[in-house]
């Protein structure tokens, strides 16, 4: 199983090269430096987390904010549907009956 692998302890017997824009590289190096990490440290952390979860260590979406909003709406709509079904099954009073009972008619 991949989770038994430890990036920090494993012998470094292979190289990995990637081309990146120099401005982007400098920017992320500065970001990681604030946490005491090098770009290599950050990459190795990414690799270790990928091994730990056996996949990408974060959710990849086209637009994370919109995806989260859609997920929240879907969950709320499902909860609403379940509540309505429960109300129907248990014979809860509907809004019209409640208004009549309270004398709040339009």
PDB file of N, CA and C in Angstrom:
ATOM      1  N   UNK A   1       0.845  -1.182   0.000  1.00  0.00           N
ATOM      2  CA  UNK A   1       0.000   0.000   0.000  1.00  0.00           C
ATOM      3  C   UNK A   1       0.889   1.243   0.000  1.00  0.00           C
ATOM      4  N   UNK A   2       0.532   2.244  -0.749  1.00  0.00           N
ATOM      5  CA  UNK A   2       1.344   3.442  -0.935  1.00  0.00           C
ATOM      6  C   UNK A   2       1.542   4.237   0.349  1.00  0.00           C
ATOM      7  N   UNK A   3       0.624   4.151   1.300  1.00  0.00           N
ATOM      8  CA  UNK A   3       0.721   4.967   2.510  1.00  0.00           C
ATOM      9  C   UNK A   3       1.885   4.567   3.407  1.00  0.00           C
ATOM     10  N   UNK A   4       2.500   3.406   3.164  1.00  0.00           N
ATOM     11  CA  UNK A   4       3.653   2.990   3.951  1.00  0.00           C
ATOM     12  C   UNK A   4       4.938   3.667   3.489  1.00  0.00           C
ATOM     13  N   UNK A   5       4.907   4.317   2.345  1.00  0.00           N
ATOM     14  CA  UNK A   5       6.089   4.989   1.825  1.00  0.00           C
ATOM     15  C   UNK A   5       6.289   6.316   2.540  1.00  0.00           C
ATOM     16  N   UNK A   6       7.556   6.636   2.818  1.00  0.00           N
ATOM     17  CA  UNK A   6       7.873   7.885   3.491  1.00  0.00           C
ATOM     18  C   UNK A   6       8.857   8.660   2.632  1.00  0.00           C
ATOM     19  N   UNK A   7       8.410   9.759   2.073  1.00  0.00           N
ATOM     20  CA  UNK A   7       9.225  10.554   1.151  1.00  0.00           C
ATOM     21  C   UNK A   7      10.502  11.042   1.822  1.00  0.00           C
ATOM     22  N   UNK A   8      10.410  11.463   3.069  1.00  0.00           N
ATOM     23  CA  UNK A   8      11.579  12.011   3.763  1.00  0.00           C
ATOM     24  C   UNK A   8      12.649  10.952   4.005  1.00  0.00           C
ATOM     25  N   UNK A   9      12.229   9.716   4.262  1.00  0.00           N
ATOM     26  CA  UNK A   9      13.179   8.660   4.607  1.00  0.00           C
ATOM     27  C   UNK A   9      13.651   7.847   3.400  1.00  0.00           C
ATOM     28  N   UNK A  10      12.920   7.906   2.313  1.00  0.00           N
ATOM     29  CA  UNK A  10      13.257   7.095   1.138  1.00  0.00           C
ATOM     30  C   UNK A  10      14.541   7.601   0.490  1.00  0.00           C
ATOM     31  N   UNK A  11      15.388   6.691  -0.016  1.00  0.00           N
ATOM     32  CA  UNK A  11      16.604   7.134  -0.704  1.00  0.00           C
ATOM     33  C   UNK A  11      16.242   7.919  -1.968  1.00  0.00           C
ATOM     34  N   UNK A  12      16.984   8.962  -2.209  1.00  0.00           N
ATOM     35  CA  UNK A  12      16.737   9.819  -3.385  1.00  0.00           C
ATOM     36  C   UNK A  12      17.550   9.265  -4.553  1.00  0.00           C
ATOM     37  N   UNK A  13      16.921   8.413  -5.364  1.00  0.00           N
ATOM     38  CA  UNK A  13      17.641   7.761  -6.450  1.00  0.00           C
ATOM     39  C   UNK A  13      17.077   8.103  -7.831  1.00  0.00           C
ATOM     40  N   UNK A  14      16.226   9.123  -7.899  1.00  0.00           N
ATOM     41  CA  UNK A  14      15.646   9.529  -9.170  1.00  0.00           C
ATOM     42  C   UNK A  14      15.458  11.044  -9.171  1.00  0.00           C
ATOM     43  N   UNK A  15      15.459  11.626 -10.364  1.00  0.00           N
ATOM     44  CA  UNK A  15      15.237  13.071 -10.464  1.00  0.00           C
ATOM     45  C   UNK A  15      13.937  13.336 -11.213  1.00  0.00           C
ATOM     46  N   UNK A  16      13.399  14.510 -10.964  1.00  0.00           N
ATOM     47  CA  UNK A  16      12.175  14.957 -11.622  1.00  0.00           C
ATOM     48  C   UNK A  16      12.393  16.412 -12.000  1.00  0.00           C
ATOM     49  N   UNK A  17      12.254  16.724 -13.270  1.00  0.00           N
ATOM     50  CA  UNK A  17      12.437  18.104 -13.720  1.00  0.00           C
ATOM     51  C   UNK A  17      11.127  18.635 -14.260  1.00  0.00           C
ATOM     52  N   UNK A  18      10.890  19.910 -14.011  1.00  0.00           N
ATOM     53  CA  UNK A  18       9.687  20.548 -14.517  1.00  0.00           C
ATOM     54  C   UNK A  18      10.048  21.958 -14.967  1.00  0.00           C
ATOM     55  N   UNK A  19       9.468  22.392 -16.059  1.00  0.00           N
ATOM     56  CA  UNK A  19       9.696  23.756 -16.537  1.00  0.00           C
ATOM     57  C   UNK A  19       8.599  24.634 -15.969  1.00  0.00           C
ATOM     58  N   UNK A  20       9.006  25.809 -15.500  1.00  0.00           N
ATOM     59  CA  UNK A  20       8.065  26.726 -14.868  1.00  0.00           C
ATOM     60  C   UNK A  20       8.487  28.156 -15.167  1.00  0.00           C
ATOM     61  N   UNK A  21       7.556  29.048 -15.224  1.00  0.00           N
ATOM     62  CA  UNK A  21       7.831  30.463 -15.423  1.00  0.00           C
ATOM     63  C   UNK A  21       8.655  30.973 -14.241  1.00  0.00           C
ATOM     64  N   UNK A  22       9.702  31.739 -14.522  1.00  0.00           N
ATOM     65  CA  UNK A  22      10.614  32.191 -13.465  1.00  0.00           C
ATOM     66  C   UNK A  22       9.926  33.088 -12.436  1.00  0.00           C
ATOM     67  N   UNK A  23       8.983  33.913 -12.869  1.00  0.00           N
ATOM     68  CA  UNK A  23       8.275  34.788 -11.920  1.00  0.00           C
ATOM     69  C   UNK A  23       7.381  33.965 -10.982  1.00  0.00           C
ATOM     70  N   UNK A  24       6.715  32.968 -11.553  1.00  0.00           N
ATOM     71  CA  UNK A  24       5.879  32.094 -10.727  1.00  0.00           C
ATOM     72  C   UNK A  24       6.747  31.322  -9.744  1.00  0.00           C
ATOM     73  N   UNK A  25       7.868  30.809 -10.221  1.00  0.00           N
ATOM     74  CA  UNK A  25       8.783  30.058  -9.355  1.00  0.00           C
ATOM     75  C   UNK A  25       9.238  30.917  -8.191  1.00  0.00           C
ATOM     76  N   UNK A  26       9.664  32.132  -8.467  1.00  0.00           N
ATOM     77  CA  UNK A  26      10.133  33.037  -7.412  1.00  0.00           C
ATOM     78  C   UNK A  26       9.009  33.334  -6.417  1.00  0.00           C
ATOM     79  N   UNK A  27       7.807  33.551  -6.928  1.00  0.00           N
ATOM     80  CA  UNK A  27       6.668  33.864  -6.055  1.00  0.00           C
ATOM     81  C   UNK A  27       6.361  32.706  -5.109  1.00  0.00           C
ATOM     82  N   UNK A  28       6.307  31.477  -5.645  1.00  0.00           N
ATOM     83  CA  UNK A  28       6.005  30.346  -4.765  1.00  0.00           C
ATOM     84  C   UNK A  28       7.168  30.041  -3.825  1.00  0.00           C
ATOM     85  N   UNK A  29       8.397  30.267  -4.276  1.00  0.00           N
ATOM     86  CA  UNK A  29       9.538  30.093  -3.370  1.00  0.00           C
ATOM     87  C   UNK A  29       9.423  31.046  -2.188  1.00  0.00           C
ATOM     88  N   UNK A  30       9.005  32.282  -2.447  1.00  0.00           N
ATOM     89  CA  UNK A  30       8.818  33.256  -1.367  1.00  0.00           C
ATOM     90  C   UNK A  30       7.697  32.824  -0.422  1.00  0.00           C
ATOM     91  N   UNK A  31       6.624  32.303  -0.992  1.00  0.00           N
ATOM     92  CA  UNK A  31       5.499  31.826  -0.171  1.00  0.00           C
ATOM     93  C   UNK A  31       5.961  30.695   0.740  1.00  0.00           C
ATOM     94  N   UNK A  32       6.652  29.704   0.167  1.00  0.00           N
ATOM     95  CA  UNK A  32       7.099  28.559   0.958  1.00  0.00           C
ATOM     96  C   UNK A  32       8.178  28.956   1.960  1.00  0.00           C
ATOM     97  N   UNK A  33       9.007  29.917   1.608  1.00  0.00           N
ATOM     98  CA  UNK A  33      10.059  30.368   2.523  1.00  0.00           C
ATOM     99  C   UNK A  33       9.463  30.918   3.817  1.00  0.00           C
ATOM    100  N   UNK A  34       8.280  31.514   3.730  1.00  0.00           N
ATOM    101  CA  UNK A  34       7.622  32.055   4.929  1.00  0.00           C
ATOM    102  C   UNK A  34       7.281  30.955   5.929  1.00  0.00           C
ATOM    103  N   UNK A  35       7.184  29.721   5.448  1.00  0.00           N
ATOM    104  CA  UNK A  35       6.905  28.591   6.339  1.00  0.00           C
ATOM    105  C   UNK A  35       8.161  27.758   6.596  1.00  0.00           C
ATOM    106  N   UNK A  36       9.301  28.266   6.139  1.00  0.00           N
ATOM    107  CA  UNK A  36      10.560  27.563   6.353  1.00  0.00           C
ATOM    108  C   UNK A  36      10.802  26.425   5.374  1.00  0.00           C
ATOM    109  N   UNK A  37      10.091  26.439   4.252  1.00  0.00           N
ATOM    110  CA  UNK A  37      10.225  25.366   3.272  1.00  0.00           C
ATOM    111  C   UNK A  37      10.837  25.876   1.976  1.00  0.00           C
ATOM    112  N   UNK A  38      11.520  24.983   1.292  1.00  0.00           N
ATOM    113  CA  UNK A  38      11.984  25.270  -0.059  1.00  0.00           C
ATOM    114  C   UNK A  38      10.928  24.747  -1.035  1.00  0.00           C
ATOM    115  N   UNK A  39      11.100  25.067  -2.300  1.00  0.00           N
ATOM    116  CA  UNK A  39      10.196  24.540  -3.319  1.00  0.00           C
ATOM    117  C   UNK A  39      10.279  23.009  -3.350  1.00  0.00           C
ATOM    118  N   UNK A  40      11.470  22.479  -3.175  1.00  0.00           N
ATOM    119  CA  UNK A  40      11.651  21.026  -3.126  1.00  0.00           C
ATOM    120  C   UNK A  40      10.923  20.432  -1.928  1.00  0.00           C
ATOM    121  N   UNK A  41      11.036  21.094  -0.762  1.00  0.00           N
ATOM    122  CA  UNK A  41      10.307  20.625   0.429  1.00  0.00           C
ATOM    123  C   UNK A  41       8.800  20.590   0.164  1.00  0.00           C
ATOM    124  N   UNK A  42       8.298  21.659  -0.453  1.00  0.00           N
ATOM    125  CA  UNK A  42       6.862  21.748  -0.740  1.00  0.00           C
ATOM    126  C   UNK A  42       6.443  20.643  -1.706  1.00  0.00           C
ATOM    127  N   UNK A  43       7.261  20.407  -2.717  1.00  0.00           N
ATOM    128  CA  UNK A  43       6.947  19.345  -3.677  1.00  0.00           C
ATOM    129  C   UNK A  43       6.933  17.986  -2.982  1.00  0.00           C
ATOM    130  N   UNK A  44       7.938  17.731  -2.143  1.00  0.00           N
ATOM    131  CA  UNK A  44       7.985  16.459  -1.423  1.00  0.00           C
ATOM    132  C   UNK A  44       6.796  16.310  -0.473  1.00  0.00           C
ATOM    133  N   UNK A  45       6.356  17.409   0.123  1.00  0.00           N
ATOM    134  CA  UNK A  45       5.167  17.378   0.979  1.00  0.00           C
ATOM    135  C   UNK A  45       3.938  17.015   0.155  1.00  0.00           C
ATOM    136  N   UNK A  46       3.830  17.619  -1.033  1.00  0.00           N
ATOM    137  CA  UNK A  46       2.730  17.294  -1.945  1.00  0.00           C
ATOM    138  C   UNK A  46       2.749  15.804  -2.290  1.00  0.00           C
ATOM    139  N   UNK A  47       3.933  15.284  -2.616  1.00  0.00           N
ATOM    140  CA  UNK A  47       4.063  13.868  -2.966  1.00  0.00           C
ATOM    141  C   UNK A  47       3.671  12.989  -1.777  1.00  0.00           C
ATOM    142  N   UNK A  48       4.141  13.335  -0.567  1.00  0.00           N
ATOM    143  CA  UNK A  48       3.807  12.534   0.619  1.00  0.00           C
ATOM    144  C   UNK A  48       2.303  12.542   0.875  1.00  0.00           C
ATOM    145  N   UNK A  49       1.683  13.709   0.771  1.00  0.00           N
ATOM    146  CA  UNK A  49       0.236  13.790   0.982  1.00  0.00           C
ATOM    147  C   UNK A  49      -0.514  12.995  -0.087  1.00  0.00           C
ATOM    148  N   UNK A  50      -0.012  13.019  -1.320  1.00  0.00           N
ATOM    149  CA  UNK A  50      -0.621  12.221  -2.388  1.00  0.00           C
ATOM    150  C   UNK A  50      -0.553  10.736  -2.050  1.00  0.00           C
ATOM    151  N   UNK A  51       0.586  10.307  -1.512  1.00  0.00           N
ATOM    152  CA  UNK A  51       0.725   8.912  -1.084  1.00  0.00           C
ATOM    153  C   UNK A  51      -0.234   8.607   0.066  1.00  0.00           C
ATOM    154  N   UNK A  52      -0.330   9.533   1.017  1.00  0.00           N
ATOM    155  CA  UNK A  52      -1.181   9.319   2.191  1.00  0.00           C
ATOM    156  C   UNK A  52      -2.647   9.124   1.814  1.00  0.00           C
ATOM    157  N   UNK A  53      -3.132   9.933   0.867  1.00  0.00           N
ATOM    158  CA  UNK A  53      -4.553   9.866   0.492  1.00  0.00           C
ATOM    159  C   UNK A  53      -4.783   9.042  -0.775  1.00  0.00           C
ATOM    160  N   UNK A  54      -3.673   8.572  -1.352  1.00  0.00           N
ATOM    161  CA  UNK A  54      -3.719   7.794  -2.592  1.00  0.00           C
ATOM    162  C   UNK A  54      -4.457   8.540  -3.695  1.00  0.00           C
ATOM    163  N   UNK A  55      -4.111   9.804  -3.846  1.00  0.00           N
ATOM    164  CA  UNK A  55      -4.697  10.663  -4.871  1.00  0.00           C
ATOM    165  C   UNK A  55      -4.219  12.085  -4.665  1.00  0.00           C
ATOM    166  N   UNK A  56      -4.861  13.006  -5.339  1.00  0.00           N
ATOM    167  CA  UNK A  56      -4.514  14.408  -5.133  1.00  0.00           C
ATOM    168  C   UNK A  56      -4.925  14.818  -3.722  1.00  0.00           C
ATOM    169  N   UNK A  57      -4.070  15.559  -3.025  1.00  0.00           N
ATOM    170  CA  UNK A  57      -4.380  15.917  -1.636  1.00  0.00           C
ATOM    171  C   UNK A  57      -5.307  17.128  -1.507  1.00  0.00           C
ATOM    172  N   UNK A  58      -6.041  17.429  -2.548  1.00  0.00           N
ATOM    173  CA  UNK A  58      -7.005  18.526  -2.518  1.00  0.00           C
ATOM    174  C   UNK A  58      -8.025  18.282  -3.616  1.00  0.00           C
ATOM    175  N   UNK A  59      -9.159  18.977  -3.527  1.00  0.00           N
ATOM    176  CA  UNK A  59     -10.214  18.829  -4.523  1.00  0.00           C
ATOM    177  C   UNK A  59      -9.886  19.696  -5.726  1.00  0.00           C
ATOM    178  N   UNK A  60      -9.967  19.110  -6.900  1.00  0.00           N
ATOM    179  CA  UNK A  60      -9.722  19.849  -8.129  1.00  0.00           C
ATOM    180  C   UNK A  60     -11.069  20.109  -8.793  1.00  0.00           C
ATOM    181  N   UNK A  61     -11.382  21.386  -8.983  1.00  0.00           N
ATOM    182  CA  UNK A  61     -12.627  21.761  -9.644  1.00  0.00           C
ATOM    183  C   UNK A  61     -12.351  22.915 -10.588  1.00  0.00           C
ATOM    184  N   UNK A  62     -13.277  23.130 -11.490  1.00  0.00           N
ATOM    185  CA  UNK A  62     -13.146  24.251 -12.415  1.00  0.00           C
ATOM    186  C   UNK A  62     -13.176  25.562 -11.648  1.00  0.00           C
ATOM    187  N   UNK A  63     -14.079  25.667 -10.712  1.00  0.00           N
ATOM    188  CA  UNK A  63     -14.202  26.871  -9.900  1.00  0.00           C
ATOM    189  C   UNK A  63     -14.623  26.416  -8.511  1.00  0.00           C
ATOM    190  N   UNK A  64     -13.663  26.327  -7.602  1.00  0.00           N
ATOM    191  CA  UNK A  64     -13.926  25.764  -6.283  1.00  0.00           C
ATOM    192  C   UNK A  64     -15.061  26.472  -5.560  1.00  0.00           C
ATOM    193  N   UNK A  65     -15.105  27.796  -5.626  1.00  0.00           N
ATOM    194  CA  UNK A  65     -16.148  28.544  -4.917  1.00  0.00           C
ATOM    195  C   UNK A  65     -17.525  28.162  -5.453  1.00  0.00           C
ATOM    196  N   UNK A  66     -17.651  28.122  -6.773  1.00  0.00           N
ATOM    197  CA  UNK A  66     -18.933  27.756  -7.374  1.00  0.00           C
ATOM    198  C   UNK A  66     -19.277  26.300  -7.090  1.00  0.00           C
ATOM    199  N   UNK A  67     -18.282  25.425  -7.135  1.00  0.00           N
ATOM    200  CA  UNK A  67     -18.536  24.007  -6.871  1.00  0.00           C
ATOM    201  C   UNK A  67     -19.024  23.809  -5.442  1.00  0.00           C
ATOM    202  N   UNK A  68     -18.404  24.488  -4.489  1.00  0.00           N
ATOM    203  CA  UNK A  68     -18.831  24.380  -3.096  1.00  0.00           C
ATOM    204  C   UNK A  68     -20.241  24.923  -2.912  1.00  0.00           C
ATOM    205  N   UNK A  69     -20.543  26.027  -3.588  1.00  0.00           N
ATOM    206  CA  UNK A  69     -21.886  26.608  -3.515  1.00  0.00           C
ATOM    207  C   UNK A  69     -22.913  25.617  -4.067  1.00  0.00           C
ATOM    208  N   UNK A  70     -22.605  25.014  -5.211  1.00  0.00           N
ATOM    209  CA  UNK A  70     -23.515  24.036  -5.809  1.00  0.00           C
ATOM    210  C   UNK A  70     -23.713  22.831  -4.893  1.00  0.00           C
ATOM    211  N   UNK A  71     -22.630  22.368  -4.269  1.00  0.00           N
ATOM    212  CA  UNK A  71     -22.736  21.238  -3.349  1.00  0.00           C
ATOM    213  C   UNK A  71     -23.604  21.599  -2.151  1.00  0.00           C
ATOM    214  N   UNK A  72     -23.416  22.805  -1.610  1.00  0.00           N
ATOM    215  CA  UNK A  72     -24.209  23.247  -0.460  1.00  0.00           C
ATOM    216  C   UNK A  72     -25.685  23.328  -0.825  1.00  0.00           C
ATOM    217  N   UNK A  73     -25.980  23.877  -1.988  1.00  0.00           N
ATOM    218  CA  UNK A  73     -27.371  23.980  -2.439  1.00  0.00           C
ATOM    219  C   UNK A  73     -27.975  22.588  -2.615  1.00  0.00           C
ATOM    220  N   UNK A  74     -27.215  21.678  -3.207  1.00  0.00           N
ATOM    221  CA  UNK A  74     -27.712  20.312  -3.411  1.00  0.00           C
ATOM    222  C   UNK A  74     -28.011  19.636  -2.075  1.00  0.00           C
ATOM    223  N   UNK A  75     -27.145  19.831  -1.095  1.00  0.00           N
ATOM    224  CA  UNK A  75     -27.362  19.247   0.234  1.00  0.00           C
ATOM    225  C   UNK A  75     -28.605  19.849   0.882  1.00  0.00           C
ATOM    226  N   UNK A  76     -28.747  21.165   0.801  1.00  0.00           N
ATOM    227  CA  UNK A  76     -29.920  21.822   1.381  1.00  0.00           C
ATOM    228  C   UNK A  76     -31.211  21.368   0.711  1.00  0.00           C
ATOM    229  N   UNK A  77     -31.181  21.242  -0.609  1.00  0.00           N
ATOM    230  CA  UNK A  77     -32.378  20.797  -1.330  1.00  0.00           C
ATOM    231  C   UNK A  77     -32.742  19.358  -0.946  1.00  0.00           C
ATOM    232  N   UNK A  78     -31.734  18.514  -0.773  1.00  0.00           N
ATOM    233  CA  UNK A  78     -31.988  17.139  -0.350  1.00  0.00           C
ATOM    234  C   UNK A  78     -32.583  17.118   1.056  1.00  0.00           C
ATOM    235  N   UNK A  79     -32.029  17.933   1.954  1.00  0.00           N
ATOM    236  CA  UNK A  79     -32.578  18.030   3.313  1.00  0.00           C
ATOM    237  C   UNK A  79     -34.021  18.515   3.287  1.00  0.00           C
ATOM    238  N   UNK A  80     -34.308  19.501   2.450  1.00  0.00           N
ATOM    239  CA  UNK A  80     -35.669  20.022   2.329  1.00  0.00           C
ATOM    240  C   UNK A  80     -36.621  18.933   1.829  1.00  0.00           C
ATOM    241  N   UNK A  81     -36.180  18.190   0.813  1.00  0.00           N
ATOM    242  CA  UNK A  81     -37.013  17.113   0.270  1.00  0.00           C
ATOM    243  C   UNK A  81     -37.291  16.061   1.338  1.00  0.00           C
ATOM    244  N   UNK A  82     -36.264  15.690   2.087  1.00  0.00           N
ATOM    245  CA  UNK A  82     -36.443  14.691   3.153  1.00  0.00           C
ATOM    246  C   UNK A  82     -37.407  15.201   4.225  1.00  0.00           C
ATOM    247  N   UNK A  83     -37.284  16.477   4.576  1.00  0.00           N
ATOM    248  CA  UNK A  83     -38.174  17.064   5.583  1.00  0.00           C
ATOM    249  C   UNK A  83     -39.617  17.068   5.091  1.00  0.00           C
ATOM    250  N   UNK A  84     -39.810  17.407   3.822  1.00  0.00           N
ATOM    251  CA  UNK A  84     -41.165  17.399   3.254  1.00  0.00           C
ATOM    252  C   UNK A  84     -41.746  15.987   3.249  1.00  0.00           C
ATOM    253  N   UNK A  85     -40.920  15.009   2.876  1.00  0.00           N
ATOM    254  CA  UNK A  85     -41.383  13.619   2.863  1.00  0.00           C
ATOM    255  C   UNK A  85     -41.745  13.157   4.268  1.00  0.00           C
ATOM    256  N   UNK A  86     -40.930  13.553   5.233  1.00  0.00           N
ATOM    257  CA  UNK A  86     -41.196  13.190   6.623  1.00  0.00           C
ATOM    258  C   UNK A  86     -42.483  13.847   7.114  1.00  0.00           C
ATOM    259  N   UNK A  87     -42.660  15.103   6.750  1.00  0.00           N
ATOM    260  CA  UNK A  87     -43.872  15.822   7.149  1.00  0.00           C
ATOM    261  C   UNK A  87     -45.103  15.154   6.557  1.00  0.00           C
ATOM    262  N   UNK A  88     -45.024  14.759   5.296  1.00  0.00           N
ATOM    263  CA  UNK A  88     -46.151  14.070   4.658  1.00  0.00           C
ATOM    264  C   UNK A  88     -46.423  12.729   5.338  1.00  0.00           C
ATOM    265  N   UNK A  89     -45.368  11.980   5.618  1.00  0.00           N
ATOM    266  CA  UNK A  89     -45.515  10.653   6.217  1.00  0.00           C
ATOM    267  C   UNK A  89     -46.066  10.731   7.639  1.00  0.00           C
ATOM    268  N   UNK A  90     -45.677  11.764   8.366  1.00  0.00           N
ATOM    269  CA  UNK A  90     -46.094  11.889   9.764  1.00  0.00           C
ATOM    270  C   UNK A  90     -47.359  12.723   9.922  1.00  0.00           C
ATOM    271  N   UNK A  91     -47.893  13.213   8.804  1.00  0.00           N
ATOM    272  CA  UNK A  91     -49.134  13.969   8.858  1.00  0.00           C
ATOM    273  C   UNK A  91     -49.007  15.336   9.509  1.00  0.00           C
ATOM    274  N   UNK A  92     -47.900  15.999   9.287  1.00  0.00           N
ATOM    275  CA  UNK A  92     -47.739  17.337   9.836  1.00  0.00           C
ATOM    276  C   UNK A  92     -48.774  18.267   9.229  1.00  0.00           C
ATOM    277  N   UNK A  93     -49.076  19.306   9.920  1.00  0.00           N
ATOM    278  CA  UNK A  93     -50.049  20.285   9.450  1.00  0.00           C
ATOM    279  C   UNK A  93     -49.424  21.114   8.324  1.00  0.00           C
ATOM    280  N   UNK A  94     -50.199  21.377   7.285  1.00  0.00           N
ATOM    281  CA  UNK A  94     -49.654  22.191   6.198  1.00  0.00           C
ATOM    282  C   UNK A  94     -49.888  23.675   6.487  1.00  0.00           C
ATOM    283  N   UNK A  95     -49.291  24.530   5.690  1.00  0.00           N
ATOM    284  CA  UNK A  95     -49.320  25.976   5.934  1.00  0.00           C
ATOM    285  C   UNK A  95     -50.741  26.526   5.920  1.00  0.00           C
ATOM    286  N   UNK A  96     -51.580  26.066   4.999  1.00  0.00           N
ATOM    287  CA  UNK A  96     -52.967  26.553   4.930  1.00  0.00           C
ATOM    288  C   UNK A  96     -53.741  26.195   6.192  1.00  0.00           C
ATOM    289  N   UNK A  97     -53.587  24.941   6.639  1.00  0.00           N
ATOM    290  CA  UNK A  97     -54.273  24.519   7.863  1.00  0.00           C
ATOM    291  C   UNK A  97     -53.784  25.317   9.066  1.00  0.00           C
ATOM    292  N   UNK A  98     -52.479  25.573   9.115  1.00  0.00           N
ATOM    293  CA  UNK A  98     -51.909  26.343  10.216  1.00  0.00           C
ATOM    294  C   UNK A  98     -52.477  27.758  10.234  1.00  0.00           C
ATOM    295  N   UNK A  99     -52.552  28.388   9.060  1.00  0.00           N
ATOM    296  CA  UNK A  99     -53.113  29.744   8.983  1.00  0.00           C
ATOM    297  C   UNK A  99     -54.567  29.750   9.437  1.00  0.00           C
ATOM    298  N   UNK A 100     -55.336  28.739   9.013  1.00  0.00           N
ATOM    299  CA  UNK A 100     -56.738  28.658   9.431  1.00  0.00           C
ATOM    300  C   UNK A 100     -56.834  28.472  10.942  1.00  0.00           C
ATOM    301  N   UNK A 101     -55.987  27.585  11.463  1.00  0.00           N
ATOM    302  CA  UNK A 101     -56.017  27.301  12.897  1.00  0.00           C
ATOM    303  C   UNK A 101     -55.652  28.531  13.720  1.00  0.00           C
ATOM    304  N   UNK A 102     -54.713  29.315  13.216  1.00  0.00           N
ATOM    305  CA  UNK A 102     -54.275  30.523  13.926  1.00  0.00           C
ATOM    306  C   UNK A 102     -55.131  31.737  13.590  1.00  0.00           C
ATOM    307  N   UNK A 103     -56.033  31.570  12.628  1.00  0.00           N
ATOM    308  CA  UNK A 103     -56.873  32.695  12.228  1.00  0.00           C
ATOM    309  C   UNK A 103     -56.119  33.756  11.456  1.00  0.00           C
ATOM    310  N   UNK A 104     -55.115  33.342  10.725  1.00  0.00           N
ATOM    311  CA  UNK A 104     -54.302  34.279   9.947  1.00  0.00           C
ATOM    312  C   UNK A 104     -54.611  34.052   8.476  1.00  0.00           C
ATOM    313  N   UNK A 105     -55.768  34.446   8.063  1.00  0.00           N
ATOM    314  CA  UNK A 105     -56.163  34.258   6.666  1.00  0.00           C
ATOM    315  C   UNK A 105     -55.915  35.529   5.884  1.00  0.00           C
ATOM    316  N   UNK A 106     -55.548  35.350   4.633  1.00  0.00           N
ATOM    317  CA  UNK A 106     -55.304  36.511   3.763  1.00  0.00           C
ATOM    318  C   UNK A 106     -56.578  37.240   3.455  1.00  0.00           C
TER     319      UNK A 106
END
